Every structure is written in C-alpha cells, then in structure tokens.
PDB file of N, CA and C in Angstrom:
ATOM      1  N   MET A   1     -15.475  13.446 -11.319  1.00  0.00           N
ATOM      2  CA  MET A   1     -16.183  12.447 -10.538  1.00  0.00           C
ATOM      3  C   MET A   1     -17.589  12.940 -10.207  1.00  0.00           C
ATOM      4  N   PHE A   2     -17.738  14.169  -9.789  1.00  0.00           N
ATOM      5  CA  PHE A   2     -19.063  14.728  -9.572  1.00  0.00           C
ATOM      6  C   PHE A   2     -19.041  16.196  -9.945  1.00  0.00           C
ATOM      7  N   LYS A   3     -20.189  16.722 -10.301  1.00  0.00           N
ATOM      8  CA  LYS A   3     -20.244  18.018 -10.977  1.00  0.00           C
ATOM      9  C   LYS A   3     -19.845  19.222 -10.133  1.00  0.00           C
ATOM     10  N   ASN A   4     -20.165  19.252  -8.864  1.00  0.00           N
ATOM     11  CA  ASN A   4     -19.858  20.427  -8.044  1.00  0.00           C
ATOM     12  C   ASN A   4     -18.678  20.179  -7.112  1.00  0.00           C
ATOM     13  N   LYS A   5     -17.639  19.576  -7.657  1.00  0.00           N
ATOM     14  CA  LYS A   5     -16.477  19.210  -6.873  1.00  0.00           C
ATOM     15  C   LYS A   5     -15.863  20.384  -6.106  1.00  0.00           C
ATOM     16  N   PRO A   6     -15.715  21.579  -6.698  1.00  0.00           N
ATOM     17  CA  PRO A   6     -15.090  22.675  -5.946  1.00  0.00           C
ATOM     18  C   PRO A   6     -15.820  23.023  -4.646  1.00  0.00           C
ATOM     19  N   ILE A   7     -17.124  23.035  -4.653  1.00  0.00           N
ATOM     20  CA  ILE A   7     -17.859  23.368  -3.436  1.00  0.00           C
ATOM     21  C   ILE A   7     -17.724  22.252  -2.392  1.00  0.00           C
ATOM     22  N   PHE A   8     -17.645  21.015  -2.838  1.00  0.00           N
ATOM     23  CA  PHE A   8     -17.416  19.894  -1.919  1.00  0.00           C
ATOM     24  C   PHE A   8     -16.084  20.098  -1.197  1.00  0.00           C
ATOM     25  N   ASN A   9     -15.069  20.535  -1.939  1.00  0.00           N
ATOM     26  CA  ASN A   9     -13.741  20.734  -1.350  1.00  0.00           C
ATOM     27  C   ASN A   9     -13.700  21.906  -0.380  1.00  0.00           C
ATOM     28  N   VAL A  10     -14.669  22.791  -0.446  1.00  0.00           N
ATOM     29  CA  VAL A  10     -14.774  23.877   0.522  1.00  0.00           C
ATOM     30  C   VAL A  10     -15.102  23.280   1.898  1.00  0.00           C
ATOM     31  N   PHE A  11     -15.942  22.254   1.917  1.00  0.00           N
ATOM     32  CA  PHE A  11     -16.382  21.652   3.173  1.00  0.00           C
ATOM     33  C   PHE A  11     -15.490  20.514   3.661  1.00  0.00           C
ATOM     34  N   PHE A  12     -14.855  19.826   2.746  1.00  0.00           N
ATOM     35  CA  PHE A  12     -14.054  18.656   3.102  1.00  0.00           C
ATOM     36  C   PHE A  12     -12.704  18.694   2.414  1.00  0.00           C
ATOM     37  N   ARG A  13     -11.687  18.207   3.102  1.00  0.00           N
ATOM     38  CA  ARG A  13     -10.420  17.967   2.423  1.00  0.00           C
ATOM     39  C   ARG A  13     -10.628  16.724   1.579  1.00  0.00           C
ATOM     40  N   GLU A  14     -10.331  16.852   0.316  1.00  0.00           N
ATOM     41  CA  GLU A  14     -10.690  15.810  -0.637  1.00  0.00           C
ATOM     42  C   GLU A  14     -10.051  14.456  -0.347  1.00  0.00           C
ATOM     43  N   LYS A  15      -8.755  14.403  -0.124  1.00  0.00           N
ATOM     44  CA  LYS A  15      -8.059  13.114   0.018  1.00  0.00           C
ATOM     45  C   LYS A  15      -8.578  12.301   1.211  1.00  0.00           C
ATOM     46  N   PRO A  16      -8.620  12.871   2.415  1.00  0.00           N
ATOM     47  CA  PRO A  16      -9.137  12.074   3.543  1.00  0.00           C
ATOM     48  C   PRO A  16     -10.583  11.635   3.343  1.00  0.00           C
ATOM     49  N   ALA A  17     -11.427  12.527   2.815  1.00  0.00           N
ATOM     50  CA  ALA A  17     -12.828  12.165   2.586  1.00  0.00           C
ATOM     51  C   ALA A  17     -12.919  11.011   1.590  1.00  0.00           C
ATOM     52  N   MET A  18     -12.134  11.087   0.517  1.00  0.00           N
ATOM     53  CA  MET A  18     -12.186  10.047  -0.502  1.00  0.00           C
ATOM     54  C   MET A  18     -11.576   8.737  -0.001  1.00  0.00           C
ATOM     55  N   MET A  19     -10.643   8.824   0.941  1.00  0.00           N
ATOM     56  CA  MET A  19     -10.089   7.597   1.527  1.00  0.00           C
ATOM     57  C   MET A  19     -11.200   6.814   2.221  1.00  0.00           C
ATOM     58  N   LEU A  20     -12.007   7.498   3.019  1.00  0.00           N
ATOM     59  CA  LEU A  20     -13.104   6.824   3.720  1.00  0.00           C
ATOM     60  C   LEU A  20     -14.124   6.267   2.734  1.00  0.00           C
ATOM     61  N   VAL A  21     -14.489   7.071   1.735  1.00  0.00           N
ATOM     62  CA  VAL A  21     -15.485   6.629   0.760  1.00  0.00           C
ATOM     63  C   VAL A  21     -14.957   5.429  -0.033  1.00  0.00           C
ATOM     64  N   ASN A  22     -13.683   5.472  -0.440  1.00  0.00           N
ATOM     65  CA  ASN A  22     -13.101   4.339  -1.175  1.00  0.00           C
ATOM     66  C   ASN A  22     -13.054   3.084  -0.313  1.00  0.00           C
ATOM     67  N   LEU A  23     -12.738   3.241   0.957  1.00  0.00           N
ATOM     68  CA  LEU A  23     -12.755   2.080   1.859  1.00  0.00           C
ATOM     69  C   LEU A  23     -14.158   1.490   1.959  1.00  0.00           C
ATOM     70  N   LYS A  24     -15.141   2.364   2.087  1.00  0.00           N
ATOM     71  CA  LYS A  24     -16.529   1.912   2.216  1.00  0.00           C
ATOM     72  C   LYS A  24     -16.998   1.182   0.960  1.00  0.00           C
ATOM     73  N   ASN A  25     -16.626   1.699  -0.204  1.00  0.00           N
ATOM     74  CA  ASN A  25     -17.117   1.148  -1.468  1.00  0.00           C
ATOM     75  C   ASN A  25     -16.270   0.007  -2.023  1.00  0.00           C
ATOM     76  N   SER A  26     -15.155  -0.298  -1.384  1.00  0.00           N
ATOM     77  CA  SER A  26     -14.256  -1.325  -1.899  1.00  0.00           C
ATOM     78  C   SER A  26     -14.857  -2.721  -1.776  1.00  0.00           C
ATOM     79  N   LYS A  27     -14.695  -3.483  -2.826  1.00  0.00           N
ATOM     80  CA  LYS A  27     -15.170  -4.868  -2.825  1.00  0.00           C
ATOM     81  C   LYS A  27     -14.054  -5.833  -2.389  1.00  0.00           C
ATOM     82  N   ASN A  28     -12.814  -5.361  -2.451  1.00  0.00           N
ATOM     83  CA  ASN A  28     -11.661  -6.195  -2.120  1.00  0.00           C
ATOM     84  C   ASN A  28     -11.013  -5.718  -0.827  1.00  0.00           C
ATOM     85  N   GLU A  29     -10.010  -6.480  -0.377  1.00  0.00           N
ATOM     86  CA  GLU A  29      -9.240  -6.042   0.780  1.00  0.00           C
ATOM     87  C   GLU A  29      -8.466  -4.791   0.397  1.00  0.00           C
ATOM     88  N   VAL A  30      -8.336  -3.857   1.332  1.00  0.00           N
ATOM     89  CA  VAL A  30      -7.649  -2.602   1.047  1.00  0.00           C
ATOM     90  C   VAL A  30      -6.451  -2.443   1.983  1.00  0.00           C
ATOM     91  N   TYR A  31      -5.328  -2.068   1.382  1.00  0.00           N
ATOM     92  CA  TYR A  31      -4.100  -1.789   2.112  1.00  0.00           C
ATOM     93  C   TYR A  31      -3.740  -0.330   1.850  1.00  0.00           C
ATOM     94  N   ALA A  32      -2.907   0.251   2.694  1.00  0.00           N
ATOM     95  CA  ALA A  32      -2.521   1.651   2.540  1.00  0.00           C
ATOM     96  C   ALA A  32      -1.925   1.920   1.162  1.00  0.00           C
ATOM     97  N   SER A  33      -1.108   1.011   0.668  1.00  0.00           N
ATOM     98  CA  SER A  33      -0.467   1.226  -0.635  1.00  0.00           C
ATOM     99  C   SER A  33      -1.490   1.263  -1.766  1.00  0.00           C
ATOM    100  N   SER A  34      -2.487   0.381  -1.720  1.00  0.00           N
ATOM    101  CA  SER A  34      -3.501   0.381  -2.778  1.00  0.00           C
ATOM    102  C   SER A  34      -4.406   1.613  -2.658  1.00  0.00           C
ATOM    103  N   LEU A  35      -4.672   2.034  -1.430  1.00  0.00           N
ATOM    104  CA  LEU A  35      -5.491   3.231  -1.219  1.00  0.00           C
ATOM    105  C   LEU A  35      -4.765   4.473  -1.748  1.00  0.00           C
ATOM    106  N   ALA A  36      -3.465   4.534  -1.532  1.00  0.00           N
ATOM    107  CA  ALA A  36      -2.666   5.665  -2.028  1.00  0.00           C
ATOM    108  C   ALA A  36      -2.778   5.771  -3.549  1.00  0.00           C
ATOM    109  N   LYS A  37      -2.729   4.639  -4.236  1.00  0.00           N
ATOM    110  CA  LYS A  37      -2.856   4.640  -5.697  1.00  0.00           C
ATOM    111  C   LYS A  37      -4.257   5.068  -6.123  1.00  0.00           C
ATOM    112  N   GLN A  38      -5.289   4.594  -5.416  1.00  0.00           N
ATOM    113  CA  GLN A  38      -6.675   4.914  -5.775  1.00  0.00           C
ATOM    114  C   GLN A  38      -6.958   6.406  -5.710  1.00  0.00           C
ATOM    115  N   ILE A  39      -6.399   7.075  -4.714  1.00  0.00           N
ATOM    116  CA  ILE A  39      -6.709   8.501  -4.551  1.00  0.00           C
ATOM    117  C   ILE A  39      -5.575   9.399  -5.037  1.00  0.00           C
ATOM    118  N   ASP A  40      -4.565   8.818  -5.686  1.00  0.00           N
ATOM    119  CA  ASP A  40      -3.447   9.563  -6.256  1.00  0.00           C
ATOM    120  C   ASP A  40      -2.752  10.406  -5.188  1.00  0.00           C
ATOM    121  N   CYS A  41      -2.211   9.711  -4.197  1.00  0.00           N
ATOM    122  CA  CYS A  41      -1.570  10.364  -3.066  1.00  0.00           C
ATOM    123  C   CYS A  41      -0.334   9.554  -2.690  1.00  0.00           C
ATOM    124  N   THR A  42       0.626  10.183  -2.030  1.00  0.00           N
ATOM    125  CA  THR A  42       1.817   9.434  -1.637  1.00  0.00           C
ATOM    126  C   THR A  42       1.478   8.479  -0.493  1.00  0.00           C
ATOM    127  N   TYR A  43       2.219   7.394  -0.439  1.00  0.00           N
ATOM    128  CA  TYR A  43       2.012   6.384   0.594  1.00  0.00           C
ATOM    129  C   TYR A  43       2.196   6.994   1.982  1.00  0.00           C
ATOM    130  N   SER A  44       3.249   7.793   2.167  1.00  0.00           N
ATOM    131  CA  SER A  44       3.520   8.355   3.497  1.00  0.00           C
ATOM    132  C   SER A  44       2.401   9.299   3.949  1.00  0.00           C
ATOM    133  N   HIS A  45       1.844  10.072   3.020  1.00  0.00           N
ATOM    134  CA  HIS A  45       0.730  10.970   3.358  1.00  0.00           C
ATOM    135  C   HIS A  45      -0.510  10.167   3.758  1.00  0.00           C
ATOM    136  N   VAL A  46      -0.778   9.105   3.004  1.00  0.00           N
ATOM    137  CA  VAL A  46      -1.929   8.236   3.311  1.00  0.00           C
ATOM    138  C   VAL A  46      -1.775   7.615   4.692  1.00  0.00           C
ATOM    139  N   VAL A  47      -0.590   7.118   5.008  1.00  0.00           N
ATOM    140  CA  VAL A  47      -0.359   6.485   6.308  1.00  0.00           C
ATOM    141  C   VAL A  47      -0.556   7.487   7.442  1.00  0.00           C
ATOM    142  N   LYS A  48      -0.088   8.716   7.263  1.00  0.00           N
ATOM    143  CA  LYS A  48      -0.253   9.742   8.290  1.00  0.00           C
ATOM    144  C   LYS A  48      -1.745  10.016   8.537  1.00  0.00           C
ATOM    145  N   ILE A  49      -2.510  10.147   7.459  1.00  0.00           N
ATOM    146  CA  ILE A  49      -3.954  10.388   7.590  1.00  0.00           C
ATOM    147  C   ILE A  49      -4.646   9.175   8.222  1.00  0.00           C
ATOM    148  N   LEU A  50      -4.255   7.975   7.800  1.00  0.00           N
ATOM    149  CA  LEU A  50      -4.854   6.757   8.350  1.00  0.00           C
ATOM    150  C   LEU A  50      -4.592   6.632   9.854  1.00  0.00           C
ATOM    151  N   GLN A  51      -3.422   7.038  10.297  1.00  0.00           N
ATOM    152  CA  GLN A  51      -3.121   6.984  11.729  1.00  0.00           C
ATOM    153  C   GLN A  51      -4.045   7.933  12.507  1.00  0.00           C
ATOM    154  N   GLN A  52      -4.311   9.104  11.930  1.00  0.00           N
ATOM    155  CA  GLN A  52      -5.238  10.040  12.579  1.00  0.00           C
ATOM    156  C   GLN A  52      -6.654   9.469  12.586  1.00  0.00           C
ATOM    157  N   MET A  53      -7.016   8.795  11.499  1.00  0.00           N
ATOM    158  CA  MET A  53      -8.345   8.174  11.427  1.00  0.00           C
ATOM    159  C   MET A  53      -8.468   7.037  12.429  1.00  0.00           C
ATOM    160  N   GLU A  54      -7.389   6.291  12.630  1.00  0.00           N
ATOM    161  CA  GLU A  54      -7.416   5.216  13.621  1.00  0.00           C
ATOM    162  C   GLU A  54      -7.566   5.805  15.023  1.00  0.00           C
ATOM    163  N   ASP A  55      -6.866   6.893  15.305  1.00  0.00           N
ATOM    164  CA  ASP A  55      -6.984   7.562  16.608  1.00  0.00           C
ATOM    165  C   ASP A  55      -8.408   8.061  16.850  1.00  0.00           C
ATOM    166  N   ALA A  56      -9.102   8.432  15.765  1.00  0.00           N
ATOM    167  CA  ALA A  56     -10.477   8.928  15.867  1.00  0.00           C
ATOM    168  C   ALA A  56     -11.488   7.791  15.801  1.00  0.00           C
ATOM    169  N   ASP A  57     -11.015   6.539  15.814  1.00  0.00           N
ATOM    170  CA  ASP A  57     -11.863   5.348  15.778  1.00  0.00           C
ATOM    171  C   ASP A  57     -12.723   5.269  14.506  1.00  0.00           C
ATOM    172  N   LEU A  58     -12.131   5.682  13.363  1.00  0.00           N
ATOM    173  CA  LEU A  58     -12.827   5.585  12.084  1.00  0.00           C
ATOM    174  C   LEU A  58     -12.419   4.341  11.305  1.00  0.00           C
ATOM    175  N   ILE A  59     -11.168   3.932  11.495  1.00  0.00           N
ATOM    176  CA  ILE A  59     -10.670   2.737  10.807  1.00  0.00           C
ATOM    177  C   ILE A  59      -9.936   1.847  11.795  1.00  0.00           C
ATOM    178  N   HIS A  60      -9.670   0.627  11.332  1.00  0.00           N
ATOM    179  CA  HIS A  60      -8.920  -0.338  12.129  1.00  0.00           C
ATOM    180  C   HIS A  60      -7.864  -0.966  11.238  1.00  0.00           C
ATOM    181  N   PHE A  61      -6.644  -1.074  11.749  1.00  0.00           N
ATOM    182  CA  PHE A  61      -5.575  -1.782  11.052  1.00  0.00           C
ATOM    183  C   PHE A  61      -5.572  -3.226  11.521  1.00  0.00           C
ATOM    184  N   ASP A  62      -5.572  -4.164  10.590  1.00  0.00           N
ATOM    185  CA  ASP A  62      -5.480  -5.584  10.922  1.00  0.00           C
ATOM    186  C   ASP A  62      -4.177  -6.091  10.326  1.00  0.00           C
ATOM    187  N   LYS A  63      -3.181  -6.273  11.174  1.00  0.00           N
ATOM    188  CA  LYS A  63      -1.858  -6.662  10.706  1.00  0.00           C
ATOM    189  C   LYS A  63      -1.861  -8.101  10.199  1.00  0.00           C
ATOM    190  N   GLN A  64      -1.431  -8.263   8.952  1.00  0.00           N
ATOM    191  CA  GLN A  64      -1.314  -9.591   8.347  1.00  0.00           C
ATOM    192  C   GLN A  64       0.105  -9.734   7.820  1.00  0.00           C
ATOM    193  N   GLY A  65       0.985 -10.247   8.680  1.00  0.00           N
ATOM    194  CA  GLY A  65       2.390 -10.315   8.300  1.00  0.00           C
ATOM    195  C   GLY A  65       2.948  -8.912   8.199  1.00  0.00           C
ATOM    196  N   ARG A  66       3.504  -8.588   7.033  1.00  0.00           N
ATOM    197  CA  ARG A  66       4.061  -7.251   6.824  1.00  0.00           C
ATOM    198  C   ARG A  66       2.994  -6.252   6.384  1.00  0.00           C
ATOM    199  N   LEU A  67       1.841  -6.738   5.985  1.00  0.00           N
ATOM    200  CA  LEU A  67       0.781  -5.871   5.471  1.00  0.00           C
ATOM    201  C   LEU A  67      -0.232  -5.520   6.565  1.00  0.00           C
ATOM    202  N   LYS A  68      -0.829  -4.353   6.414  1.00  0.00           N
ATOM    203  CA  LYS A  68      -1.903  -3.940   7.324  1.00  0.00           C
ATOM    204  C   LYS A  68      -3.176  -3.768   6.507  1.00  0.00           C
ATOM    205  N   LEU A  69      -4.122  -4.654   6.748  1.00  0.00           N
ATOM    206  CA  LEU A  69      -5.424  -4.581   6.095  1.00  0.00           C
ATOM    207  C   LEU A  69      -6.239  -3.486   6.777  1.00  0.00           C
ATOM    208  N   LEU A  70      -6.907  -2.652   5.967  1.00  0.00           N
ATOM    209  CA  LEU A  70      -7.708  -1.557   6.511  1.00  0.00           C
ATOM    210  C   LEU A  70      -9.178  -1.932   6.516  1.00  0.00           C
ATOM    211  N   THR A  71      -9.852  -1.662   7.614  1.00  0.00           N
ATOM    212  CA  THR A  71     -11.294  -1.849   7.680  1.00  0.00           C
ATOM    213  C   THR A  71     -11.898  -0.634   8.379  1.00  0.00           C
ATOM    214  N   LEU A  72     -13.111  -0.302   7.981  1.00  0.00           N
ATOM    215  CA  LEU A  72     -13.832   0.787   8.634  1.00  0.00           C
ATOM    216  C   LEU A  72     -14.484   0.280   9.910  1.00  0.00           C
ATOM    217  N   THR A  73     -14.496   1.113  10.917  1.00  0.00           N
ATOM    218  CA  THR A  73     -15.265   0.809  12.116  1.00  0.00           C
ATOM    219  C   THR A  73     -16.722   1.198  11.827  1.00  0.00           C
ATOM    220  N   LYS A  74     -17.604   0.936  12.757  1.00  0.00           N
ATOM    221  CA  LYS A  74     -19.007   1.362  12.606  1.00  0.00           C
ATOM    222  C   LYS A  74     -19.066   2.876  12.435  1.00  0.00           C
ATOM    223  N   LYS A  75     -18.335   3.585  13.278  1.00  0.00           N
ATOM    224  CA  LYS A  75     -18.293   5.048  13.193  1.00  0.00           C
ATOM    225  C   LYS A  75     -17.737   5.492  11.832  1.00  0.00           C
ATOM    226  N   GLY A  76     -16.681   4.835  11.356  1.00  0.00           N
ATOM    227  CA  GLY A  76     -16.086   5.164  10.064  1.00  0.00           C
ATOM    228  C   GLY A  76     -17.052   4.940   8.919  1.00  0.00           C
ATOM    229  N   THR A  77     -17.820   3.858   8.994  1.00  0.00           N
ATOM    230  CA  THR A  77     -18.823   3.570   7.968  1.00  0.00           C
ATOM    231  C   THR A  77     -19.908   4.639   7.963  1.00  0.00           C
ATOM    232  N   ASP A  78     -20.348   5.055   9.148  1.00  0.00           N
ATOM    233  CA  ASP A  78     -21.365   6.108   9.244  1.00  0.00           C
ATOM    234  C   ASP A  78     -20.849   7.425   8.653  1.00  0.00           C
ATOM    235  N   VAL A  79     -19.611   7.778   8.969  1.00  0.00           N
ATOM    236  CA  VAL A  79     -19.027   9.016   8.441  1.00  0.00           C
ATOM    237  C   VAL A  79     -18.909   8.928   6.921  1.00  0.00           C
ATOM    238  N   ALA A  80     -18.420   7.796   6.403  1.00  0.00           N
ATOM    239  CA  ALA A  80     -18.270   7.623   4.953  1.00  0.00           C
ATOM    240  C   ALA A  80     -19.621   7.701   4.251  1.00  0.00           C
ATOM    241  N   ASP A  81     -20.656   7.094   4.849  1.00  0.00           N
ATOM    242  CA  ASP A  81     -22.006   7.172   4.273  1.00  0.00           C
ATOM    243  C   ASP A  81     -22.470   8.627   4.173  1.00  0.00           C
ATOM    244  N   ASN A  82     -22.239   9.382   5.226  1.00  0.00           N
ATOM    245  CA  ASN A  82     -22.667  10.778   5.235  1.00  0.00           C
ATOM    246  C   ASN A  82     -21.865  11.641   4.266  1.00  0.00           C
ATOM    247  N   ILE A  83     -20.579  11.376   4.138  1.00  0.00           N
ATOM    248  CA  ILE A  83     -19.765  12.095   3.152  1.00  0.00           C
ATOM    249  C   ILE A  83     -20.313  11.826   1.752  1.00  0.00           C
ATOM    250  N   ASP A  84     -20.622  10.551   1.484  1.00  0.00           N
ATOM    251  CA  ASP A  84     -21.189  10.177   0.184  1.00  0.00           C
ATOM    252  C   ASP A  84     -22.512  10.900  -0.065  1.00  0.00           C
ATOM    253  N   LYS A  85     -23.374  10.964   0.944  1.00  0.00           N
ATOM    254  CA  LYS A  85     -24.659  11.650   0.807  1.00  0.00           C
ATOM    255  C   LYS A  85     -24.474  13.130   0.504  1.00  0.00           C
ATOM    256  N   ILE A  86     -23.602  13.778   1.255  1.00  0.00           N
ATOM    257  CA  ILE A  86     -23.352  15.204   1.044  1.00  0.00           C
ATOM    258  C   ILE A  86     -22.751  15.439  -0.335  1.00  0.00           C
ATOM    259  N   ARG A  87     -21.803  14.604  -0.719  1.00  0.00           N
ATOM    260  CA  ARG A  87     -21.172  14.733  -2.031  1.00  0.00           C
ATOM    261  C   ARG A  87     -22.209  14.636  -3.134  1.00  0.00           C
ATOM    262  N   ASN A  88     -23.142  13.724  -2.984  1.00  0.00           N
ATOM    263  CA  ASN A  88     -24.190  13.546  -4.009  1.00  0.00           C
ATOM    264  C   ASN A  88     -25.186  14.706  -4.015  1.00  0.00           C
ATOM    265  N   LEU A  89     -25.410  15.328  -2.858  1.00  0.00           N
ATOM    266  CA  LEU A  89     -26.295  16.491  -2.810  1.00  0.00           C
ATOM    267  C   LEU A  89     -25.688  17.704  -3.528  1.00  0.00           C
ATOM    268  N   LEU A  90     -24.361  17.818  -3.449  1.00  0.00           N
ATOM    269  CA  LEU A  90     -23.680  18.961  -4.059  1.00  0.00           C
ATOM    270  C   LEU A  90     -23.557  18.776  -5.551  1.00  0.00           C
TER     271      LEU A  90
END
C-alpha cells in the first residue's frame, strides 16, 4: 500500500489506524462487518476496537435495525486525516 510500511507500524498499530482511514475514505455506508473485510481482520476484533474508538469519541454507531452504521466524529475525521498525512510522509 505504501513504501515505508514497516516504519509506519512502529508508530501506529496498523489495523486501528487503517480502520479510521478506511472510514474517512469510504464513499458508501460502512458497517463493522464490511470494515473487517476491508482490513482483513476478524469481526469480533473490529468490534472491540470500534467500541474503544467510540469511547474516545472518534466514531459514532448509528443503529439501523440489526445493523450499526459507522460514522466518524469531527475528532475522528481529524485523527484519520493526520494518520493519512503521516503515512504519506513515511
């Protein structure tokens, strides 16, 4: 995906960072199950990380029936933008 990936992983855990970036760059509605497939991670691991992100006010769950639509908060968007910038610098 980018040339200096190992050094990026020194500073960030790859899966959570990529979850935020994928949410930011998504053109469609995103659910935990689709996010798990995008970043090649188990659904249960993604949900655990998403719950921590919600506690940190980075994302918001919007319950639609049985599904939970994921959206970034303002803070989450700012963090994702900065992760993207740092990733591109490396």
